Amino acid sequence: MTPQAHRRAFRRAERIAPTASLAAGFVQANLAIIPDAYANAFEDFIHANPRACPLLARGDKGDFSLPALGEDIDLRTDLPLYRVLRDGAMQRDVQQIADLWRDDLVAFAIGCSLSFEADLVAGGVALRCYGAGVSCSAFDTSVANTPVGPFAGTMVVSMRAVRAQDMALATALTRAHPDAHGGPVHIGDPDAIGVDLRAPIDGIGLTDIQDGEVPMFWACGVTMERALSAAALPLAITHAPAHMLITDLPARRTARHTIFEPLKKEA
């Protein structure tokens, strides 16, 4: 299926499922929708936290199309599942947000690490979390975001169990995707960044580490939701974790391969 076909299937509510491994080779995006009164400060927060929040597009006030990311995108219907926040607290998950849309809302699309998983697999990195019906897991950390205005919170990371012999390759391949969070922010001991592998966000994804594997952690766009919760906006809408916007953009690749840079240099 093409990205457009996936979006139309979500629009018709024909499928409600995480988007991991769908539309391989195309960029997936995290979504945040907030009132215009907070939009400039939120964009400043995004730029202050680029590893967790690589900005792909900002919509115009009241515009639910984001044409820079694909043909005929309707942000009110084209994700499989949305999360509605009121005063910073999760209110509910819904299949569409047409009834919540207002003329003062502004959309932000942020890169997602699901965009590089096909590249990892094609490059020879074995991923047990890549396939129909499975997904990587995401976790809260103890790493503070750089605060801007009312937006703060802590970083969220995604975790993939990678064979020890594949770590360098996984690092190099993902560093070539800066718009999808780039390379890992931490490798190894989860406790070092405050991660509890028993508590994945929303209970989604593979969390076990098998013999010969090492946990590798990438910054995650759910960081935006934590920032929105910290700001306690009267209304904010995000993607539900692992239920992303599938765009028409091909996953971006460069020839730039760099070594792992630990999280402490970014914090």
Protein backbone atom coordinates (compact mmCIF):
# COMPACT_ATOMS: atom_id res chain seq x y z
CA MET A 1 0.00 0.00 0.00
CA THR A 2 1.14 3.54 -0.72
CA PRO A 3 1.28 6.12 2.09
CA GLN A 4 -1.83 7.74 0.64
CA ALA A 5 -3.66 4.39 0.66
CA HIS A 6 -2.77 3.87 4.32
CA ARG A 7 -4.05 7.34 5.20
CA ARG A 8 -7.31 6.74 3.36
CA ALA A 9 -7.76 3.43 5.16
CA PHE A 10 -7.35 5.22 8.49
CA ARG A 11 -9.72 7.95 7.32
CA ARG A 12 -12.38 5.32 6.64
CA ALA A 13 -11.61 3.61 9.98
CA GLU A 14 -10.78 0.39 8.15
CA ARG A 15 -7.74 -0.19 10.32
CA ILE A 16 -6.73 0.91 13.81
CA ALA A 17 -3.25 -0.35 14.63
CA PRO A 18 0.29 0.86 15.29
CA THR A 19 2.08 1.96 12.11
CA ALA A 20 5.38 0.15 12.72
CA SER A 21 6.64 -1.54 9.52
CA LEU A 22 3.91 0.08 7.39
CA ALA A 23 4.92 1.99 4.23
CA ALA A 24 8.56 0.96 4.45
CA GLY A 25 10.87 3.58 3.00
CA PHE A 26 8.59 6.52 3.80
CA VAL A 27 8.81 9.02 6.64
CA GLN A 28 6.44 8.63 9.57
CA ALA A 29 5.74 11.61 11.80
CA ASN A 30 4.71 12.42 15.34
CA LEU A 31 1.90 14.95 15.51
CA ALA A 32 1.08 17.75 17.96
CA ILE A 33 -1.85 20.15 17.52
CA ILE A 34 -2.19 23.13 19.85
CA PRO A 35 -3.86 26.56 19.99
CA ASP A 36 -2.09 29.30 18.06
CA ALA A 37 -1.53 31.33 21.22
CA TYR A 38 1.10 28.78 22.32
CA ALA A 39 2.51 27.86 18.90
CA ASN A 40 5.56 30.13 18.77
CA ALA A 41 6.75 29.13 22.23
CA PHE A 42 6.22 25.47 21.32
CA GLU A 43 8.27 25.85 18.16
CA ASP A 44 11.04 27.43 20.24
CA PHE A 45 10.87 24.40 22.55
CA ILE A 46 11.16 22.09 19.54
CA HIS A 47 14.26 23.90 18.29
CA ALA A 48 15.77 23.79 21.79
CA ASN A 49 15.35 19.97 21.89
CA PRO A 50 16.27 18.88 18.34
CA ARG A 51 17.25 15.28 19.10
CA ALA A 52 13.83 14.48 20.51
CA CYS A 53 11.88 16.90 18.29
CA PRO A 54 13.30 17.20 14.75
CA LEU A 55 10.78 19.50 13.06
CA LEU A 56 9.41 18.28 9.72
CA ALA A 57 6.62 20.83 9.21
CA ARG A 58 4.51 23.46 10.93
CA GLY A 59 1.04 24.09 9.62
CA ASP A 60 -0.72 27.39 9.18
CA LYS A 61 -3.33 28.39 11.74
CA GLY A 62 -6.52 26.46 11.08
CA ASP A 63 -4.98 24.37 8.27
CA PHE A 64 -5.33 20.60 8.67
CA SER A 65 -3.63 19.60 5.41
CA LEU A 66 0.20 19.89 5.84
CA PRO A 67 0.79 19.79 2.05
CA ALA A 68 4.58 19.74 2.51
CA LEU A 69 4.29 16.17 3.81
CA GLY A 70 1.90 14.61 1.35
CA GLU A 71 -1.00 14.76 -1.04
CA ASP A 72 -4.51 15.10 0.36
CA ILE A 73 -3.49 14.85 4.04
CA ASP A 74 -6.32 15.51 6.46
CA LEU A 75 -4.89 15.71 9.96
CA ARG A 76 -8.37 15.32 11.44
CA THR A 77 -8.79 11.77 10.18
CA ASP A 78 -5.60 10.34 8.64
CA LEU A 79 -3.89 8.86 11.71
CA PRO A 80 -5.08 5.54 13.13
CA LEU A 81 -5.46 6.94 16.66
CA TYR A 82 -5.18 10.33 18.38
CA ARG A 83 -4.68 11.36 21.99
CA VAL A 84 -6.62 14.30 23.46
CA LEU A 85 -5.13 16.22 26.40
CA ARG A 86 -7.08 18.70 28.52
CA ASP A 87 -5.23 20.88 31.04
CA GLY A 88 -2.22 18.63 30.65
CA ALA A 89 -3.99 15.38 31.43
CA MET A 90 -4.88 12.64 28.98
CA GLN A 91 -8.63 12.75 28.40
CA ARG A 92 -9.13 10.00 25.82
CA ASP A 93 -7.87 8.33 22.64
CA VAL A 94 -10.05 8.78 19.56
CA GLN A 95 -10.09 7.65 15.93
CA GLN A 96 -10.69 11.10 14.46
CA ILE A 97 -10.67 14.70 15.67
CA ALA A 98 -12.94 16.45 13.13
CA ASP A 99 -15.34 17.38 15.92
CA LEU A 100 -12.50 18.94 17.93
CA TRP A 101 -10.93 20.96 15.13
CA ARG A 102 -10.90 24.74 15.56
CA ASP A 103 -9.77 27.62 13.39
CA ASP A 104 -7.07 28.59 15.89
CA LEU A 105 -5.29 25.22 15.95
CA VAL A 106 -1.74 24.79 14.64
CA ALA A 107 -0.18 21.44 13.73
CA PHE A 108 3.44 20.38 14.18
CA ALA A 109 4.92 17.25 12.58
CA ILE A 110 8.08 15.82 14.15
CA GLY A 111 10.33 13.09 12.79
CA CYS A 112 9.88 9.52 14.04
CA SER A 113 12.37 6.68 14.44
CA LEU A 114 9.97 4.25 12.75
CA SER A 115 11.15 5.94 9.55
CA PHE A 116 14.60 4.35 9.74
CA GLU A 117 13.67 0.81 10.75
CA ALA A 118 13.36 -0.44 7.16
CA ASP A 119 16.83 0.96 6.51
CA LEU A 120 18.20 -0.90 9.52
CA VAL A 121 16.72 -4.20 8.38
CA ALA A 122 17.84 -3.70 4.77
CA GLY A 123 21.33 -2.88 6.04
CA GLY A 124 21.59 -6.17 7.94
CA VAL A 125 20.54 -5.20 11.49
CA ALA A 126 18.29 -7.87 12.97
CA LEU A 127 15.24 -6.33 14.66
CA ARG A 128 12.73 -8.56 16.42
CA CYS A 129 10.47 -5.51 16.81
CA TYR A 130 10.11 -4.97 13.06
CA GLY A 131 7.16 -6.72 11.48
CA ALA A 132 3.41 -6.85 11.25
CA GLY A 133 1.78 -6.56 14.64
CA VAL A 134 4.94 -5.75 16.60
CA SER A 135 6.68 -2.51 17.47
CA CYS A 136 9.59 -1.04 19.34
CA SER A 137 8.81 0.16 22.85
CA ALA A 138 9.02 3.67 24.31
CA PHE A 139 9.94 4.73 27.83
CA ASP A 140 10.00 7.77 30.03
CA THR A 141 13.46 8.80 31.23
CA SER A 142 14.89 10.96 33.98
CA VAL A 143 16.56 13.24 31.42
CA ALA A 144 15.14 16.75 31.57
CA ASN A 145 14.21 18.57 28.37
CA THR A 146 15.51 22.08 27.79
CA PRO A 147 12.55 24.17 29.01
CA VAL A 148 11.06 27.01 26.97
CA GLY A 149 8.19 29.02 28.40
CA PRO A 150 5.58 26.61 29.80
CA PHE A 151 7.06 23.62 27.94
CA ALA A 152 9.42 21.31 29.80
CA GLY A 153 9.01 17.68 30.92
CA THR A 154 11.45 14.82 30.39
CA MET A 155 12.74 13.04 27.31
CA VAL A 156 11.05 9.90 26.05
CA VAL A 157 13.13 7.27 24.27
CA SER A 158 12.38 4.32 22.02
CA MET A 159 14.23 1.07 22.67
CA ARG A 160 15.32 -1.66 20.29
CA ALA A 161 17.14 -4.82 21.34
CA VAL A 162 20.06 -5.14 18.92
CA ARG A 163 22.64 -7.91 18.59
CA ALA A 164 25.95 -6.79 20.05
CA GLN A 165 27.70 -7.29 16.71
CA ASP A 166 25.17 -4.97 15.02
CA MET A 167 25.51 -1.99 17.37
CA ALA A 168 28.06 -0.07 15.32
CA LEU A 169 26.09 -0.64 12.12
CA ALA A 170 22.82 0.40 13.76
CA THR A 171 24.49 3.55 15.05
CA ALA A 172 25.93 4.46 11.66
CA LEU A 173 22.72 3.81 9.74
CA THR A 174 20.54 5.81 12.11
CA ARG A 175 22.95 8.73 12.34
CA ALA A 176 22.23 9.10 8.61
CA HIS A 177 18.59 9.93 9.47
CA PRO A 178 18.80 13.23 11.39
CA ASP A 179 15.13 14.00 10.64
CA ALA A 180 14.16 10.75 12.38
CA HIS A 181 16.05 11.46 15.64
CA GLY A 182 19.44 10.40 14.24
CA GLY A 183 21.69 8.05 16.18
CA PRO A 184 21.10 6.54 19.61
CA VAL A 185 21.24 8.74 22.70
CA HIS A 186 22.14 5.86 25.03
CA ILE A 187 23.35 2.28 24.76
CA GLY A 188 23.29 -0.29 27.53
CA ASP A 189 22.18 0.07 31.16
CA PRO A 190 18.59 1.44 31.21
CA ASP A 191 18.97 2.63 34.80
CA ALA A 192 21.58 5.17 33.71
CA ILE A 193 18.82 7.26 32.08
CA GLY A 194 16.02 6.32 34.45
CA VAL A 195 14.32 3.76 32.19
CA ASP A 196 12.27 0.92 33.65
CA LEU A 197 12.00 -1.81 31.03
CA ARG A 198 8.96 -3.17 32.88
CA ALA A 199 6.98 -0.01 32.13
CA PRO A 200 6.75 0.72 28.40
CA ILE A 201 4.52 3.65 27.50
CA ASP A 202 0.96 2.41 26.88
CA GLY A 203 2.28 -1.16 27.28
CA ILE A 204 3.28 -1.19 23.61
CA GLY A 205 6.27 -2.95 22.08
CA LEU A 206 8.89 -5.59 22.75
CA THR A 207 10.81 -5.04 25.97
CA ASP A 208 12.76 -8.25 26.53
CA ILE A 209 16.53 -8.40 26.00
CA GLN A 210 17.74 -11.81 24.83
CA ASP A 211 21.20 -13.33 25.16
CA GLY A 212 23.64 -11.57 22.87
CA GLU A 213 21.48 -8.44 22.58
CA VAL A 214 22.04 -4.94 23.92
CA PRO A 215 19.31 -2.32 24.52
CA MET A 216 19.80 0.73 22.30
CA PHE A 217 17.82 3.91 22.95
CA TRP A 218 16.82 6.66 20.53
CA ALA A 219 15.10 9.96 21.33
CA CYS A 220 11.35 9.71 20.75
CA GLY A 221 8.70 12.19 19.62
CA VAL A 222 6.41 11.26 22.51
CA THR A 223 8.67 13.74 24.29
CA MET A 224 6.28 16.34 22.82
CA GLU A 225 3.38 14.88 24.75
CA ARG A 226 5.34 15.14 27.99
CA ALA A 227 6.08 18.80 27.21
CA LEU A 228 2.42 19.48 26.47
CA SER A 229 1.42 17.81 29.73
CA ALA A 230 3.90 19.97 31.62
CA ALA A 231 2.44 23.09 30.00
CA ALA A 232 -1.12 22.08 30.96
CA LEU A 233 -2.65 23.64 27.86
CA PRO A 234 -6.45 23.80 27.83
CA LEU A 235 -6.42 21.61 24.71
CA ALA A 236 -3.70 19.66 22.95
CA ILE A 237 -3.95 16.76 20.53
CA THR A 238 -1.19 14.32 19.64
CA HIS A 239 -0.87 10.98 17.91
CA ALA A 240 -1.47 8.07 20.23
CA PRO A 241 1.95 6.47 20.89
CA ALA A 242 3.02 4.24 17.94
CA HIS A 243 0.08 5.45 15.78
CA MET A 244 1.84 7.86 13.44
CA LEU A 245 1.13 10.06 10.44
CA ILE A 246 2.47 8.26 7.34
CA THR A 247 3.80 10.87 4.92
CA ASP A 248 4.64 10.82 1.22
CA LEU A 249 8.26 11.79 1.92
CA PRO A 250 10.90 9.15 1.17
CA ALA A 251 13.00 8.34 4.23
CA ARG A 252 15.97 10.67 4.01
CA ARG A 253 19.43 9.20 3.78
CA THR A 254 22.89 10.70 3.59
CA ALA A 255 26.37 9.25 3.36
CA ARG A 256 27.29 10.74 6.72
CA HIS A 257 28.24 8.06 9.24
CA THR A 258 29.42 9.19 12.67
CA ILE A 259 30.20 7.47 15.93
CA PHE A 260 27.83 7.24 18.88
CA GLU A 261 27.52 10.45 20.91
CA PRO A 262 26.36 9.76 24.48
CA LEU A 263 23.31 11.42 25.92
CA LYS A 264 25.29 13.35 28.54
CA LYS A 265 26.68 15.55 25.78
CA GLU A 266 23.14 16.45 24.73
CA ALA A 267 21.56 16.98 28.15
